[in-house]
Amino acid sequence: MKSTLKIQNLKCGGCASTIVNRLGDLNDISEIKVDNTNDSVSFNYENEDNLEKAKALLTKLGYPVVGDKNALTTKAKSFVSCAVGRMGK
């Protein structure tokens, strides 16, 4: 199955790099693409459990799905994730 999620706090290629690398570590998640212009991430997944794990990981990294809680601490996490992604390039 394929999903495209609108996410919050997406800023740049560093963010995208972290998202692609970390979602790629999950089992049964593939073909990950981040669209910075539309603040979205798309990927293929095997079942609903995989989708929920991907959403939970995005939130943990600081990129919750639009409509989910986006506290100041979550926004701060996105800056850390962004910096990590920039260093990994």
C-alpha atoms as a PDB file:
ATOM      1  CA  MET A   1       0.000   0.000   0.000  1.00  0.00           C
ATOM      2  CA  LYS A   2       1.090   3.574  -0.521  1.00  0.00           C
ATOM      3  CA  SER A   3       0.584   6.549   1.759  1.00  0.00           C
ATOM      4  CA  THR A   4       1.313  10.248   1.435  1.00  0.00           C
ATOM      5  CA  LEU A   5       1.322  12.154   4.707  1.00  0.00           C
ATOM      6  CA  LYS A   6       1.311  15.935   5.113  1.00  0.00           C
ATOM      7  CA  ILE A   7       3.751  16.637   7.925  1.00  0.00           C
ATOM      8  CA  GLN A   8       4.655  19.615  10.099  1.00  0.00           C
ATOM      9  CA  ASN A   9       8.024  21.316  10.709  1.00  0.00           C
ATOM     10  CA  LEU A  10       9.605  20.204   7.409  1.00  0.00           C
ATOM     11  CA  LYS A  11      12.196  22.830   6.530  1.00  0.00           C
ATOM     12  CA  CYS A  12      14.913  21.626   4.181  1.00  0.00           C
ATOM     13  CA  GLY A  13      16.973  18.847   2.667  1.00  0.00           C
ATOM     14  CA  GLY A  14      18.477  18.047   6.066  1.00  0.00           C
ATOM     15  CA  CYS A  15      15.011  17.256   7.374  1.00  0.00           C
ATOM     16  CA  ALA A  16      14.283  15.167   4.283  1.00  0.00           C
ATOM     17  CA  SER A  17      17.537  13.236   4.658  1.00  0.00           C
ATOM     18  CA  THR A  18      16.800  12.333   8.275  1.00  0.00           C
ATOM     19  CA  ILE A  19      13.242  11.264   7.407  1.00  0.00           C
ATOM     20  CA  VAL A  20      14.353   9.055   4.500  1.00  0.00           C
ATOM     21  CA  ASN A  21      17.153   7.444   6.517  1.00  0.00           C
ATOM     22  CA  ARG A  22      15.128   6.794   9.660  1.00  0.00           C
ATOM     23  CA  LEU A  23      11.955   5.563   7.921  1.00  0.00           C
ATOM     24  CA  GLY A  24      14.203   3.342   5.810  1.00  0.00           C
ATOM     25  CA  ASP A  25      15.295   1.607   9.017  1.00  0.00           C
ATOM     26  CA  LEU A  26      11.724   0.390   9.617  1.00  0.00           C
ATOM     27  CA  ASN A  27      10.753  -3.056   8.359  1.00  0.00           C
ATOM     28  CA  ASP A  28       8.279  -3.158   5.461  1.00  0.00           C
ATOM     29  CA  ILE A  29       8.612   0.580   4.626  1.00  0.00           C
ATOM     30  CA  SER A  30      10.023   1.314   1.166  1.00  0.00           C
ATOM     31  CA  GLU A  31      10.196   3.856  -1.662  1.00  0.00           C
ATOM     32  CA  ILE A  32      10.358   6.816   0.705  1.00  0.00           C
ATOM     33  CA  LYS A  33      10.126  10.245  -0.909  1.00  0.00           C
ATOM     34  CA  VAL A  34       9.997  13.618   0.825  1.00  0.00           C
ATOM     35  CA  ASP A  35       8.453  16.613  -0.934  1.00  0.00           C
ATOM     36  CA  ASN A  36       9.649  19.794   0.775  1.00  0.00           C
ATOM     37  CA  THR A  37       7.473  21.979  -1.452  1.00  0.00           C
ATOM     38  CA  ASN A  38       4.274  20.257  -0.294  1.00  0.00           C
ATOM     39  CA  ASP A  39       5.450  19.355   3.240  1.00  0.00           C
ATOM     40  CA  SER A  40       4.768  15.686   2.623  1.00  0.00           C
ATOM     41  CA  VAL A  41       6.361  12.272   2.787  1.00  0.00           C
ATOM     42  CA  SER A  42       5.213   9.275   0.768  1.00  0.00           C
ATOM     43  CA  PHE A  43       6.161   5.634   1.123  1.00  0.00           C
ATOM     44  CA  ASN A  44       4.975   2.092   0.560  1.00  0.00           C
ATOM     45  CA  TYR A  45       4.072  -0.093   3.533  1.00  0.00           C
ATOM     46  CA  GLU A  46       2.824  -3.635   4.103  1.00  0.00           C
ATOM     47  CA  ASN A  47       0.069  -3.203   6.716  1.00  0.00           C
ATOM     48  CA  GLU A  48      -1.598  -0.691   9.046  1.00  0.00           C
ATOM     49  CA  ASP A  49       0.835  -1.507  11.849  1.00  0.00           C
ATOM     50  CA  ASN A  50       3.701  -0.348   9.602  1.00  0.00           C
ATOM     51  CA  LEU A  51       1.837   2.874   8.847  1.00  0.00           C
ATOM     52  CA  GLU A  52       1.290   3.592  12.543  1.00  0.00           C
ATOM     53  CA  LYS A  53       4.969   2.896  13.313  1.00  0.00           C
ATOM     54  CA  ALA A  54       5.989   5.323  10.564  1.00  0.00           C
ATOM     55  CA  LYS A  55       3.685   8.031  11.957  1.00  0.00           C
ATOM     56  CA  ALA A  56       5.024   7.463  15.476  1.00  0.00           C
ATOM     57  CA  LEU A  57       8.619   7.704  14.254  1.00  0.00           C
ATOM     58  CA  LEU A  58       7.875  10.903  12.327  1.00  0.00           C
ATOM     59  CA  THR A  59       6.437  12.432  15.500  1.00  0.00           C
ATOM     60  CA  LYS A  60       9.452  11.268  17.538  1.00  0.00           C
ATOM     61  CA  LEU A  61      11.755  12.936  14.991  1.00  0.00           C
ATOM     62  CA  GLY A  62       9.764  16.180  15.228  1.00  0.00           C
ATOM     63  CA  TYR A  63       7.597  15.861  12.101  1.00  0.00           C
ATOM     64  CA  PRO A  64       4.062  15.006  13.229  1.00  0.00           C
ATOM     65  CA  VAL A  65       1.289  14.528  10.707  1.00  0.00           C
ATOM     66  CA  VAL A  66      -0.764  17.667  10.050  1.00  0.00           C
ATOM     67  CA  GLY A  67      -3.589  17.780  12.596  1.00  0.00           C
ATOM     68  CA  ASP A  68      -1.574  16.024  15.297  1.00  0.00           C
ATOM     69  CA  LYS A  69      -0.214  17.894  18.321  1.00  0.00           C
ATOM     70  CA  ASN A  70       2.830  20.010  17.507  1.00  0.00           C
ATOM     71  CA  ALA A  71       4.187  21.183  20.865  1.00  0.00           C
ATOM     72  CA  LEU A  72       7.246  23.369  21.262  1.00  0.00           C
ATOM     73  CA  THR A  73       9.278  20.297  22.266  1.00  0.00           C
ATOM     74  CA  THR A  74       8.254  18.563  19.032  1.00  0.00           C
ATOM     75  CA  LYS A  75       9.332  21.593  17.007  1.00  0.00           C
ATOM     76  CA  ALA A  76      12.677  21.567  18.827  1.00  0.00           C
ATOM     77  CA  LYS A  77      13.163  17.893  17.936  1.00  0.00           C
ATOM     78  CA  SER A  78      12.704  18.759  14.265  1.00  0.00           C
ATOM     79  CA  PHE A  79      15.625  21.217  14.457  1.00  0.00           C
ATOM     80  CA  VAL A  80      17.845  18.495  15.931  1.00  0.00           C
ATOM     81  CA  SER A  81      16.721  16.012  13.264  1.00  0.00           C
ATOM     82  CA  CYS A  82      17.382  18.630  10.601  1.00  0.00           C
ATOM     83  CA  ALA A  83      20.912  19.239  11.876  1.00  0.00           C
ATOM     84  CA  VAL A  84      21.634  15.505  11.977  1.00  0.00           C
ATOM     85  CA  GLY A  85      20.395  15.179   8.406  1.00  0.00           C
ATOM     86  CA  ARG A  86      22.613  18.039   7.247  1.00  0.00           C
ATOM     87  CA  MET A  87      25.694  16.509   8.862  1.00  0.00           C
ATOM     88  CA  GLY A  88      24.978  13.167   7.203  1.00  0.00           C
ATOM     89  CA  LYS A  89      25.089  14.646   3.695  1.00  0.00           C
END
